[in-house]
Protein backbone atom coordinates (compact mmCIF):
# COMPACT_ATOMS: atom_id res chain seq x y z
CA MET A 1 -11.01 -46.21 13.15
CA ASP A 2 -13.75 -48.85 12.98
CA ARG A 3 -13.23 -49.62 16.64
CA ILE A 4 -13.58 -45.93 17.56
CA GLU A 5 -16.73 -45.56 15.48
CA THR A 6 -18.20 -48.71 17.02
CA GLN A 7 -17.40 -47.44 20.50
CA SER A 8 -18.90 -44.04 19.71
CA PHE A 9 -22.07 -45.64 18.39
CA SER A 10 -22.26 -47.88 21.45
CA GLU A 11 -21.88 -44.90 23.78
CA MET A 12 -24.55 -42.98 21.89
CA LEU A 13 -26.91 -45.97 22.03
CA SER A 14 -26.22 -46.37 25.72
CA HIS A 15 -26.88 -42.66 26.28
CA TYR A 16 -30.25 -42.77 24.54
CA PHE A 17 -31.23 -45.94 26.37
CA ALA A 18 -30.30 -44.35 29.67
CA LEU A 19 -32.22 -41.22 28.68
CA PHE A 20 -35.31 -43.31 27.89
CA TRP A 21 -34.96 -45.22 31.14
CA HIS A 22 -34.75 -41.99 33.12
CA TRP A 23 -37.63 -40.19 31.35
CA GLY A 24 -39.65 -43.23 30.33
CA TRP A 25 -42.37 -42.43 32.86
CA LEU A 26 -42.93 -39.01 31.26
CA LEU A 27 -43.06 -40.43 27.73
CA ILE A 28 -45.51 -43.11 28.84
CA LEU A 29 -47.61 -40.55 30.74
CA THR A 30 -47.96 -38.14 27.80
CA THR A 31 -48.68 -41.01 25.42
CA VAL A 32 -51.38 -42.51 27.66
CA LEU A 33 -52.97 -39.13 28.43
CA ALA A 34 -53.14 -38.08 24.78
CA GLY A 35 -54.43 -41.47 23.66
CA SER A 36 -57.03 -41.63 26.44
CA ALA A 37 -58.24 -38.11 25.69
CA ALA A 38 -58.63 -38.96 22.00
CA PHE A 39 -60.41 -42.22 22.82
CA ILE A 40 -62.89 -40.59 25.22
CA THR A 41 -63.51 -37.69 22.84
CA SER A 42 -64.16 -40.10 19.96
CA LYS A 43 -66.69 -41.98 22.04
CA LEU A 44 -68.54 -38.77 22.93
CA ILE A 45 -68.74 -37.45 19.34
CA ILE A 46 -71.89 -38.34 17.35
CA PRO A 47 -70.83 -40.66 14.49
CA ILE A 48 -71.14 -39.36 10.94
CA TYR A 49 -71.84 -41.74 8.02
CA GLN A 50 -70.98 -41.20 4.37
CA ALA A 51 -72.89 -42.60 1.39
CA SER A 52 -71.28 -42.46 -2.05
CA THR A 53 -72.65 -42.80 -5.56
CA LEU A 54 -70.89 -42.89 -8.93
CA ILE A 55 -72.33 -41.31 -12.08
CA LEU A 56 -71.16 -41.31 -15.68
CA VAL A 57 -71.42 -38.20 -17.86
CA ASN A 58 -72.39 -39.08 -21.44
CA PRO A 59 -71.71 -36.12 -23.75
CA ALA A 60 -74.15 -35.39 -26.59
CA PRO A 61 -73.66 -37.90 -29.47
CA ALA A 62 -73.25 -35.02 -31.95
CA SER A 63 -70.14 -33.86 -30.11
CA THR A 64 -68.64 -37.32 -29.71
CA THR A 65 -65.67 -38.04 -31.92
CA GLN A 66 -62.50 -40.05 -31.54
CA ASP A 67 -60.10 -37.12 -31.39
CA TYR A 68 -58.32 -35.58 -28.40
CA THR A 69 -60.50 -32.46 -28.46
CA SER A 70 -63.62 -34.55 -27.80
CA LEU A 71 -61.93 -36.16 -24.78
CA ILE A 72 -61.01 -32.79 -23.31
CA ALA A 73 -64.55 -31.54 -23.94
CA GLY A 74 -65.99 -34.53 -22.08
CA GLN A 75 -63.72 -33.93 -19.08
CA ALA A 76 -64.62 -30.23 -19.09
CA LEU A 77 -68.32 -31.16 -19.11
CA ALA A 78 -67.75 -33.46 -16.12
CA GLN A 79 -66.05 -30.60 -14.26
CA THR A 80 -69.05 -28.38 -15.03
CA TYR A 81 -71.48 -30.99 -13.73
CA VAL A 82 -69.45 -31.27 -10.51
CA GLN A 83 -70.36 -27.66 -9.78
CA LEU A 84 -73.97 -27.93 -10.99
CA VAL A 85 -74.85 -31.07 -9.00
CA THR A 86 -75.02 -29.00 -5.80
CA ALA A 87 -76.82 -26.01 -7.34
CA ARG A 88 -79.57 -24.51 -5.22
CA PRO A 89 -82.51 -25.64 -7.48
CA ILE A 90 -81.22 -29.22 -7.28
CA LEU A 91 -80.97 -29.09 -3.50
CA GLU A 92 -84.44 -27.56 -3.18
CA GLY A 93 -85.85 -30.35 -5.34
CA VAL A 94 -84.19 -33.01 -3.12
CA ILE A 95 -85.51 -31.36 0.06
CA THR A 96 -89.03 -31.26 -1.38
CA LYS A 97 -88.91 -34.84 -2.68
CA LEU A 98 -87.64 -36.33 0.61
CA GLY A 99 -89.47 -33.91 2.92
CA LEU A 100 -86.29 -32.86 4.75
CA SER A 101 -86.42 -30.21 7.45
CA ILE A 102 -83.18 -28.56 6.41
CA SER A 103 -82.20 -25.55 4.32
CA PRO A 104 -80.22 -25.78 1.07
CA ASP A 105 -77.36 -23.87 2.70
CA ASP A 106 -77.08 -26.49 5.44
CA LEU A 107 -77.53 -29.42 3.05
CA ILE A 108 -74.74 -28.32 0.74
CA LYS A 109 -72.29 -28.53 3.66
CA ASP A 110 -72.83 -32.30 3.79
CA ILE A 111 -72.31 -32.90 0.05
CA THR A 112 -69.01 -33.18 -1.82
CA SER A 113 -68.45 -34.09 -5.45
CA LYS A 114 -65.33 -34.66 -7.52
CA VAL A 115 -64.23 -36.02 -10.87
CA VAL A 116 -62.54 -39.41 -10.63
CA GLY A 117 -59.08 -38.90 -12.10
CA THR A 118 -59.13 -37.85 -15.75
CA THR A 119 -62.31 -39.77 -16.51
CA GLN A 120 -65.90 -38.66 -17.10
CA LEU A 121 -66.98 -40.24 -13.82
CA ILE A 122 -68.22 -38.13 -10.93
CA GLN A 123 -68.26 -39.33 -7.32
CA VAL A 124 -70.82 -37.71 -5.05
CA ASN A 125 -70.50 -38.14 -1.25
CA VAL A 126 -73.23 -37.29 1.24
CA GLU A 127 -72.63 -37.19 5.00
CA ASP A 128 -75.34 -37.57 7.62
CA ARG A 129 -75.88 -38.89 11.10
CA ASP A 130 -78.35 -41.44 9.72
CA PRO A 131 -76.71 -43.88 7.26
CA ARG A 132 -80.03 -44.66 5.56
CA ARG A 133 -80.87 -40.99 5.06
CA ALA A 134 -77.40 -40.33 3.66
CA ALA A 135 -77.99 -42.93 0.93
CA GLN A 136 -81.48 -41.55 0.20
CA ILE A 137 -80.15 -38.01 -0.22
CA ALA A 138 -77.35 -39.20 -2.54
CA ASN A 139 -79.72 -41.13 -4.81
CA ALA A 140 -82.37 -38.40 -4.80
CA LEU A 141 -79.72 -35.81 -5.64
CA ILE A 142 -78.64 -37.70 -8.77
CA ALA A 143 -82.23 -38.32 -9.86
CA GLU A 144 -83.17 -34.65 -9.41
CA PHE A 145 -80.04 -33.46 -11.19
CA SER A 146 -80.67 -35.81 -14.12
CA ASP A 147 -84.32 -34.69 -14.45
CA GLN A 148 -83.52 -30.97 -14.30
CA ASN A 149 -80.58 -31.39 -16.66
CA MET A 150 -82.77 -33.17 -19.24
CA ALA A 151 -85.52 -30.60 -18.85
CA GLU A 152 -83.12 -27.68 -19.31
CA GLN A 153 -81.59 -29.15 -22.47
CA ALA A 154 -84.99 -30.11 -23.92
CA SER A 155 -86.28 -26.57 -23.40
CA ARG A 156 -84.07 -25.36 -26.29
CA TYR A 157 -86.24 -27.29 -28.79
CA ALA A 158 -89.58 -26.94 -27.02
CA ALA A 159 -90.81 -23.88 -28.98
CA SER A 160 -89.92 -25.34 -32.41
CA LYS A 161 -91.47 -28.68 -31.57
CA LEU A 162 -94.63 -27.02 -30.27
CA SER A 163 -94.96 -24.96 -33.50
CA LEU A 164 -94.53 -28.03 -35.70
CA GLU A 165 -96.96 -30.02 -33.58
CA ASN A 166 -99.58 -27.29 -33.94
CA GLN A 167 -99.12 -27.13 -37.71
CA LEU A 168 -99.36 -30.92 -37.97
CA THR A 169 -102.56 -30.86 -35.93
CA GLN A 170 -104.07 -28.18 -38.14
CA LEU A 171 -103.14 -30.01 -41.37
CA GLN A 172 -104.48 -33.25 -39.97
CA GLN A 173 -107.75 -31.52 -39.19
CA GLN A 174 -107.91 -30.01 -42.68
CA ILE A 175 -107.23 -33.43 -44.27
CA GLN A 176 -110.00 -34.96 -42.19
CA ASN A 177 -112.41 -32.18 -43.18
CA THR A 178 -111.55 -32.52 -46.89
CA ASN A 179 -112.04 -36.27 -46.77
CA GLN A 180 -115.43 -35.73 -45.18
CA VAL A 181 -116.50 -33.34 -47.93
CA LEU A 182 -115.34 -35.74 -50.63
CA THR A 183 -117.38 -38.49 -49.01
CA ASP A 184 -120.47 -36.31 -49.01
CA LEU A 185 -120.01 -35.38 -52.76
CA ALA A 186 -119.31 -38.93 -53.92
CA SER A 187 -123.05 -39.63 -54.61
CA ASP A 188 -123.60 -36.52 -56.71
CA PRO A 189 -122.26 -36.94 -60.35
CA SER A 190 -122.98 -33.30 -61.21
CA ARG A 191 -120.34 -32.09 -58.83
CA GLN A 192 -117.43 -34.01 -60.34
CA SER A 193 -115.44 -30.87 -61.06
CA GLU A 194 -115.75 -29.82 -57.43
CA ARG A 195 -114.55 -33.26 -56.29
CA ASP A 196 -111.53 -32.99 -58.59
CA GLN A 197 -110.67 -29.65 -57.06
CA LEU A 198 -111.01 -31.10 -53.54
CA ASN A 199 -108.80 -34.10 -54.43
CA LEU A 200 -106.13 -31.70 -55.63
CA THR A 201 -106.38 -29.74 -52.41
CA LEU A 202 -106.25 -32.96 -50.36
CA ALA A 203 -103.10 -34.01 -52.14
CA GLN A 204 -101.51 -30.69 -51.31
CA TYR A 205 -102.51 -31.04 -47.65
CA GLN A 206 -101.06 -34.52 -47.50
CA GLN A 207 -97.81 -33.37 -49.09
CA SER A 208 -97.52 -30.50 -46.63
CA TYR A 209 -98.28 -32.87 -43.74
CA ALA A 210 -95.60 -35.26 -44.90
CA ASN A 211 -93.07 -32.40 -45.14
CA LEU A 212 -93.96 -31.10 -41.67
CA LEU A 213 -93.77 -34.60 -40.22
CA GLN A 214 -90.32 -35.05 -41.73
CA SER A 215 -89.19 -31.72 -40.25
CA TYR A 216 -90.57 -32.73 -36.87
CA GLU A 217 -88.66 -36.01 -36.90
CA GLN A 218 -85.48 -34.20 -37.92
CA LEU A 219 -85.95 -31.79 -35.03
CA ARG A 220 -86.41 -34.67 -32.59
CA LEU A 221 -83.30 -36.34 -33.94
CA ALA A 222 -81.33 -33.13 -33.54
CA GLU A 223 -82.59 -32.86 -30.00
CA THR A 224 -81.51 -36.39 -29.23
CA GLN A 225 -78.08 -35.83 -30.74
CA SER A 226 -77.41 -32.63 -28.74
CA ILE A 227 -78.50 -33.68 -25.23
CA SER A 228 -75.90 -34.88 -22.68
CA THR A 229 -77.15 -37.54 -20.30
CA ILE A 230 -76.21 -38.71 -16.80
CA VAL A 231 -76.14 -42.41 -15.88
CA GLN A 232 -75.94 -43.54 -12.26
CA LYS A 233 -73.46 -46.43 -12.37
CA GLU A 234 -73.31 -47.21 -8.64
CA PRO A 235 -76.35 -46.27 -6.54
CA ALA A 236 -75.64 -45.21 -2.97
CA ILE A 237 -76.27 -47.79 -0.22
CA PRO A 238 -76.44 -47.16 3.55
CA PRO A 239 -72.88 -47.43 5.00
CA GLU A 240 -72.20 -49.81 7.86
CA LYS A 241 -69.35 -47.91 9.54
CA PRO A 242 -69.04 -44.18 10.23
CA ILE A 243 -66.29 -42.16 8.55
CA ARG A 244 -65.70 -40.22 11.76
CA PRO A 245 -64.79 -40.43 14.42
CA LYS A 246 -62.35 -43.28 13.71
CA THR A 247 -61.65 -44.23 17.29
CA MET A 248 -58.70 -46.52 16.72
CA ARG A 249 -56.97 -44.25 14.21
CA ASP A 250 -57.54 -41.13 16.31
CA THR A 251 -56.29 -42.88 19.44
CA ILE A 252 -53.10 -44.08 17.73
CA LEU A 253 -52.41 -40.68 16.17
CA ALA A 254 -53.06 -38.87 19.44
CA SER A 255 -50.80 -41.32 21.28
CA PHE A 256 -48.05 -40.67 18.76
CA VAL A 257 -48.51 -36.91 19.14
CA GLY A 258 -48.40 -37.35 22.92
CA LEU A 259 -45.19 -39.34 22.58
CA MET A 260 -43.65 -36.62 20.42
CA LEU A 261 -44.82 -33.98 22.90
CA GLY A 262 -43.22 -35.92 25.74
CA ALA A 263 -40.01 -36.26 23.73
CA GLY A 264 -40.06 -32.51 23.12
CA ILE A 265 -40.49 -31.83 26.83
CA VAL A 266 -37.62 -34.18 27.63
CA PHE A 267 -35.44 -32.49 25.02
CA LEU A 268 -36.31 -29.06 26.46
CA ILE A 269 -35.60 -30.17 30.02
CA GLU A 270 -32.34 -31.78 28.99
CA ALA A 271 -31.31 -28.68 27.07
CA MET A 272 -32.04 -26.44 30.06
CA ASP A 273 -30.71 -28.82 32.70
CA ASP A 274 -27.24 -27.74 33.87
CA THR A 275 -26.72 -30.54 36.38
CA LEU A 276 -24.26 -33.40 36.15
CA LYS A 277 -25.99 -36.69 35.34
CA GLY A 278 -23.35 -39.38 35.75
CA PRO A 279 -19.81 -40.62 35.13
CA GLU A 280 -19.81 -39.64 31.46
CA ASP A 281 -20.62 -36.01 32.33
CA VAL A 282 -17.88 -35.91 34.97
CA ASN A 283 -15.27 -37.35 32.61
CA ARG A 284 -16.27 -35.28 29.58
CA LYS A 285 -17.25 -31.95 31.12
CA LEU A 286 -15.06 -31.79 34.24
CA GLY A 287 -12.10 -33.82 33.02
CA LEU A 288 -11.93 -35.79 36.30
CA PRO A 289 -12.19 -39.52 36.98
CA VAL A 290 -15.06 -40.98 38.98
CA LEU A 291 -13.55 -42.81 41.95
CA GLY A 292 -16.76 -43.81 43.68
CA PHE A 293 -20.40 -44.39 43.03
CA ILE A 294 -22.60 -44.32 46.14
CA ALA A 295 -26.22 -45.30 45.64
CA THR A 296 -29.12 -43.73 47.53
CA HIS A 297 -29.63 -45.24 50.94
CA LYS A 298 -31.34 -44.36 54.19
CA ALA A 299 -28.56 -42.40 55.85
CA GLN A 300 -28.84 -41.65 59.57
CA GLU A 301 -27.31 -38.63 61.23
CA THR A 302 -26.03 -40.73 64.14
CA LYS A 303 -24.90 -43.86 62.34
CA LEU A 304 -22.65 -44.69 59.38
CA ILE A 305 -23.81 -47.44 57.04
CA THR A 306 -20.34 -48.98 56.87
CA VAL A 307 -20.63 -49.52 60.63
CA SER A 308 -24.26 -50.62 60.86
CA GLU A 309 -24.39 -52.64 57.62
CA PRO A 310 -20.84 -53.64 56.68
CA LEU A 311 -22.00 -56.25 54.15
CA SER A 312 -24.43 -54.04 52.26
CA PRO A 313 -23.91 -53.00 48.62
CA ILE A 314 -23.35 -49.44 49.84
CA SER A 315 -20.50 -50.52 52.08
CA GLU A 316 -19.00 -52.42 49.17
CA ALA A 317 -19.20 -49.25 47.08
CA PHE A 318 -17.05 -47.51 49.72
CA ARG A 319 -14.57 -50.39 49.52
CA SER A 320 -14.35 -49.77 45.79
CA LEU A 321 -13.70 -46.10 46.55
CA ARG A 322 -10.91 -47.12 48.95
CA THR A 323 -9.33 -49.31 46.27
CA ASN A 324 -9.55 -46.54 43.64
CA LEU A 325 -7.88 -44.10 46.02
CA GLN A 326 -4.86 -46.39 46.23
CA TYR A 327 -4.31 -45.95 42.50
CA ALA A 328 -5.23 -42.25 42.36
CA SER A 329 -1.71 -41.07 43.24
CA VAL A 330 0.95 -43.60 42.27
CA ASP A 331 4.01 -41.32 42.38
CA GLN A 332 3.26 -39.97 45.88
CA PRO A 333 1.39 -42.24 48.33
CA LEU A 334 -1.59 -40.58 49.93
CA ARG A 335 -1.42 -39.85 53.64
CA SER A 336 -4.11 -37.17 53.90
CA VAL A 337 -7.27 -36.66 51.86
CA MET A 338 -9.68 -33.77 52.13
CA VAL A 339 -13.36 -34.43 51.33
CA THR A 340 -15.39 -31.45 50.13
CA SER A 341 -18.16 -30.54 47.69
CA PRO A 342 -19.16 -27.63 45.47
CA SER A 343 -22.29 -26.78 47.46
CA PRO A 344 -24.09 -27.79 50.67
CA ALA A 345 -26.27 -30.89 51.01
CA ASP A 346 -24.08 -33.01 48.72
CA GLY A 347 -23.35 -35.47 51.55
CA LYS A 348 -19.61 -34.83 51.89
CA SER A 349 -19.56 -35.46 55.69
CA THR A 350 -21.20 -38.86 55.25
CA ILE A 351 -18.70 -39.73 52.51
CA ALA A 352 -15.78 -38.66 54.71
CA GLY A 353 -17.01 -40.68 57.70
CA ASN A 354 -17.71 -43.87 55.75
CA LEU A 355 -14.43 -43.59 53.84
CA ALA A 356 -12.49 -43.34 57.12
CA VAL A 357 -14.31 -46.40 58.50
CA ILE A 358 -13.61 -48.48 55.37
CA ILE A 359 -9.91 -47.59 55.37
CA ALA A 360 -9.71 -48.44 59.09
CA GLN A 361 -11.39 -51.80 58.45
CA ALA A 362 -8.53 -52.56 56.04
CA GLY A 363 -6.11 -52.51 58.98
CA ARG A 364 -4.70 -48.98 58.68
CA HIS A 365 -4.70 -46.53 61.57
CA VAL A 366 -6.96 -43.67 60.46
CA VAL A 367 -7.76 -40.29 61.97
CA LEU A 368 -10.96 -38.55 60.88
CA LEU A 369 -10.52 -34.80 61.30
CA ASP A 370 -13.58 -32.57 61.31
CA ALA A 371 -12.32 -29.32 59.75
CA ASP A 372 -15.80 -27.93 59.20
CA LEU A 373 -15.68 -25.25 61.88
CA ARG A 374 -19.07 -23.91 60.85
CA ARG A 375 -21.44 -26.92 60.68
CA PRO A 376 -19.65 -29.91 62.21
CA MET A 377 -21.18 -33.35 61.64
CA ILE A 378 -18.49 -35.92 62.42
CA HIS A 379 -19.22 -36.09 66.17
CA LYS A 380 -22.87 -36.88 65.36
CA LEU A 381 -21.99 -39.58 62.85
CA LEU A 382 -19.52 -41.25 65.24
CA ARG A 383 -21.65 -40.58 68.32
CA ILE A 384 -18.87 -38.96 70.33
CA SER A 385 -18.59 -35.73 72.33
CA ASN A 386 -17.67 -32.40 70.74
CA ARG A 387 -16.62 -30.53 73.89
CA ALA A 388 -12.97 -30.31 72.90
CA GLY A 389 -11.34 -30.59 69.53
CA LEU A 390 -9.51 -28.83 66.73
CA SER A 391 -10.44 -25.27 67.74
CA GLY A 392 -8.74 -25.77 71.12
CA PHE A 393 -5.35 -26.43 69.51
CA PHE A 394 -5.17 -22.88 68.20
CA THR A 395 -5.39 -21.35 71.71
CA GLU A 396 -2.53 -23.40 73.14
CA ALA A 397 1.03 -22.21 72.85
CA GLU A 398 2.32 -25.76 72.84
CA PHE A 399 -0.35 -28.26 71.90
CA SER A 400 -0.25 -32.02 72.12
CA LEU A 401 -2.47 -34.52 70.36
CA ASN A 402 -2.18 -37.05 73.14
CA GLY A 403 -5.64 -37.59 74.53
CA ASN A 404 -7.27 -35.36 71.94
CA ILE A 405 -7.74 -38.11 69.36
CA ARG A 406 -11.03 -39.66 70.37
CA ARG A 407 -11.46 -43.39 70.23
CA THR A 408 -14.45 -44.73 68.32
CA GLU A 409 -16.32 -48.00 68.19
CA VAL A 410 -14.51 -48.82 64.94
CA PRO A 411 -11.11 -50.45 65.50
CA ASN A 412 -8.14 -48.42 64.16
CA LEU A 413 -10.32 -45.32 63.73
CA GLY A 414 -9.73 -42.19 65.77
CA ALA A 415 -11.44 -38.84 65.41
CA ILE A 416 -10.73 -35.20 66.12
CA THR A 417 -13.89 -33.14 66.31
CA THR A 418 -14.16 -29.37 65.94
CA GLY A 419 -14.71 -28.40 69.54
CA ASP A 420 -16.10 -24.93 70.16
CA LEU A 421 -16.85 -23.07 66.92
CA PRO A 422 -14.52 -20.07 66.45
CA PRO A 423 -15.55 -16.72 64.91
CA ASN A 424 -12.78 -16.79 62.28
CA PRO A 425 -12.49 -20.35 60.92
CA SER A 426 -10.91 -19.37 57.57
CA GLU A 427 -8.02 -17.52 59.24
CA LEU A 428 -7.38 -20.40 61.64
CA LEU A 429 -7.37 -23.05 58.90
CA ALA A 430 -5.04 -20.94 56.74
CA SER A 431 -2.53 -20.41 59.57
CA ASP A 432 0.87 -22.07 59.95
CA LYS A 433 -0.36 -23.67 63.12
CA MET A 434 -2.92 -25.62 61.13
CA THR A 435 -0.08 -26.90 58.96
CA LYS A 436 1.77 -28.11 62.09
CA ILE A 437 -1.39 -29.74 63.43
CA LEU A 438 -1.80 -31.70 60.20
CA GLU A 439 1.85 -32.73 60.25
CA GLN A 440 1.55 -34.12 63.78
CA ILE A 441 -1.67 -35.96 62.93
CA CYS A 442 -0.05 -37.52 59.86
CA ASN A 443 2.92 -38.60 61.99
CA LEU A 444 0.62 -40.40 64.42
CA ALA A 445 -1.68 -42.03 61.86
CA ASP A 446 -1.37 -44.04 58.66
CA PHE A 447 -4.10 -42.03 56.96
CA VAL A 448 -5.98 -38.82 57.65
CA VAL A 449 -9.43 -37.94 56.28
CA LEU A 450 -10.54 -34.30 56.56
CA ASP A 451 -14.14 -33.14 56.36
CA THR A 452 -14.35 -29.50 55.21
CA PRO A 453 -17.09 -27.02 54.28
CA PRO A 454 -18.28 -26.70 50.64
CA VAL A 455 -15.85 -24.93 48.32
CA LEU A 456 -18.22 -22.29 46.98
CA VAL A 457 -19.80 -21.36 50.31
CA VAL A 458 -16.68 -20.29 52.23
CA THR A 459 -12.92 -20.29 51.64
CA ASP A 460 -12.16 -22.92 54.32
CA ALA A 461 -11.80 -25.78 51.84
CA ALA A 462 -9.63 -23.71 49.51
CA VAL A 463 -7.11 -22.77 52.21
CA LEU A 464 -6.86 -26.39 53.41
CA ALA A 465 -6.59 -27.92 49.93
CA SER A 466 -2.90 -27.09 49.54
CA LYS A 467 -2.05 -28.64 52.95
CA VAL A 468 -3.23 -32.18 52.12
CA ASP A 469 -2.07 -34.82 49.66
CA GLY A 470 -5.29 -34.94 47.73
CA VAL A 471 -8.83 -33.61 47.44
CA LEU A 472 -11.93 -35.71 46.90
CA LEU A 473 -14.89 -33.82 45.40
CA VAL A 474 -18.39 -35.08 46.28
CA VAL A 475 -21.06 -34.48 43.63
CA LYS A 476 -24.73 -35.38 43.69
CA PRO A 477 -26.02 -36.34 40.19
CA GLY A 478 -29.06 -34.42 39.04
CA VAL A 479 -28.53 -31.82 41.78
CA SER A 480 -25.01 -30.45 41.50
CA LYS A 481 -24.78 -27.75 38.84
CA LEU A 482 -22.15 -28.06 36.14
CA GLN A 483 -21.04 -24.43 36.47
CA ALA A 484 -20.81 -24.76 40.25
CA CYS A 485 -18.58 -27.83 39.89
CA LYS A 486 -16.36 -26.10 37.33
CA GLN A 487 -16.04 -23.06 39.58
CA ALA A 488 -15.18 -25.23 42.59
CA ILE A 489 -12.51 -27.10 40.61
CA GLU A 490 -11.09 -23.80 39.36
CA GLN A 491 -10.80 -22.44 42.90
CA LEU A 492 -9.07 -25.61 44.08
CA LYS A 493 -6.63 -25.52 41.18
CA ILE A 494 -5.78 -21.89 41.88
CA VAL A 495 -4.46 -22.82 45.36
CA GLY A 496 -2.53 -25.78 43.89
CA ALA A 497 -4.80 -28.54 45.15
CA HIS A 498 -4.29 -32.09 43.94
CA ILE A 499 -7.81 -33.12 42.92
CA LEU A 500 -7.93 -36.91 42.97
CA GLY A 501 -11.38 -37.33 41.46
CA VAL A 502 -15.11 -37.25 42.04
CA VAL A 503 -17.44 -39.33 44.18
CA LEU A 504 -21.00 -39.54 42.87
CA ASN A 505 -23.22 -39.58 45.93
CA ASP A 506 -26.90 -40.30 46.51
CA VAL A 507 -27.53 -41.82 43.07
CA GLU A 508 -31.03 -43.25 42.64
CA ILE A 509 -30.18 -46.57 41.03
CA ASN A 510 -33.71 -47.59 40.05
CA ARG A 511 -34.36 -44.27 38.34
CA SER A 512 -30.82 -43.46 37.30
CA ARG A 513 -29.66 -43.43 33.74
CA TYR A 514 -26.82 -45.69 34.78
CA ARG A 515 -27.87 -49.14 35.88
CA TYR A 516 -25.75 -50.66 38.62
CA SER A 517 -28.35 -52.76 40.42
CA SER A 518 -26.94 -55.92 38.88
CA TYR A 519 -24.01 -55.63 41.29
CA LYS A 520 -26.13 -55.91 44.44
CA ARG A 521 -26.04 -59.68 44.71
CA TYR A 522 -22.39 -59.66 43.71
CA TYR A 523 -21.63 -57.30 46.56
CA GLN A 524 -23.53 -59.33 49.11
CA ASP A 525 -22.14 -62.72 48.15
CA SER A 526 -18.57 -62.17 47.06
CA TYR A 527 -17.32 -59.61 49.54
CA LYS A 528 -18.21 -61.33 52.80
CA LYS A 529 -14.84 -63.05 52.81
CA ARG A 530 -13.00 -59.79 52.08
CA TYR A 531 -14.71 -58.07 55.02
CA LYS A 532 -13.79 -60.97 57.32
CA GLN A 533 -10.19 -60.79 56.14
CA ASP A 534 -10.08 -57.03 56.80
CA SER A 535 -11.50 -57.58 60.28
CA GLU A 536 -8.93 -60.30 61.04
CA LYS A 537 -6.09 -58.02 59.91
CA SER A 538 -7.42 -55.22 62.08
CA THR A 539 -7.62 -57.50 65.15
CA THR A 540 -4.11 -58.83 64.57
CA ARG A 541 -2.58 -55.38 64.45
């Protein structure tokens, strides 16, 4: 169980690595584009600075106790001051004091205030393009709020204080006048009774003055005890760095968003993509083995790579295909193999031609039969004439293959081309005469390779599939549709075809999800001897 889980995890990891390798360019592109856009935008935006100041709300001493209710009242007062600090009269006072050319409605947009936690501290933030002006506005705002707050609270006692002050002034004036009269009467002994009366009056005035003065002091004390004050604990200073834009942060966040966007695009493409990607898809979704893996190469219509470059990695890939074919049917040795594909342009003719060459290089006598009576390609690949061929056998009552198997430049390889293209290829290929033709070819050769049209285009491949020992299906990764491959396999199974496996053709190694480039040097170095041995065997025979 642990081994299975480890293998499953390894396959999953390999799948995601291959997926990243295949779509890495898109992920990098979206990441770079998003990050670059955020970086350029941040550089074009005018920087905004933020100055902060911290104030402490001191509740009135008369309301200050040590109980929980007093604490809640202090916090409630701080919440009230948070709303009042940006009141319109305060903002108008700041604008007037600093001479700002801005309206209160615009200024309030740049000011935020909040209570710090559950304390009686209030933090006021001011944003502005000029860091120095931001600090000036913050400090002026607190000063103006403190002045107006003190003035508003003091106004509750202003009338009482003014009344007492007027009474004290009047009594003081009366005391001064009485003292002046007593001074004037001091030299006249006959007016002693009048002086006594004035002294009594003066004493009454002084007593009343003392009482009023005591009331005045009590009123002032009450005023002091009932006024809440604001203390600026941390004055605002001009900030050195802007709060926005934060170029580095915005660039990183935008890059991450771009990466996620790219991953979403990849996920969407993968979810909508119905093509086969590689060996794992063939094994899991089609239930067939992969017998060959042919990388992308510069194929020529008039030359096979196994002939022009026998020591190339591509030629070695065909040798691997030849070896895998030997083990594809152990119970019944293969004498004839049909090469086809689900749809056109999968490269089945090139696969058939190169496979025939590789088998011939191993010393076996091979006949390459072009059974594509609609778009023949074998004569072009082998550079031979197509004047006479398979179609001519059907018009002869007694046909003979002698002289009709064309010699090629490859030792041990003969070819039968299509000849003139008939109007009814499907009927000809399905006839008993075609069965006899194949039997005679197999009697004369060690191995026969047939090139046929695509399965889903016409019925030619389906009618021939039951006449050969095995069928080789050519699939192009990233191009061949999964449903098309399933339908082609279903049609071949209906006629009783023996499907040997799949050849993955035209695989872009450098961009593929499956990395096989590490084998290139191995192919070039280690298989030179094998090719020489095959050539020696061919010459000997």
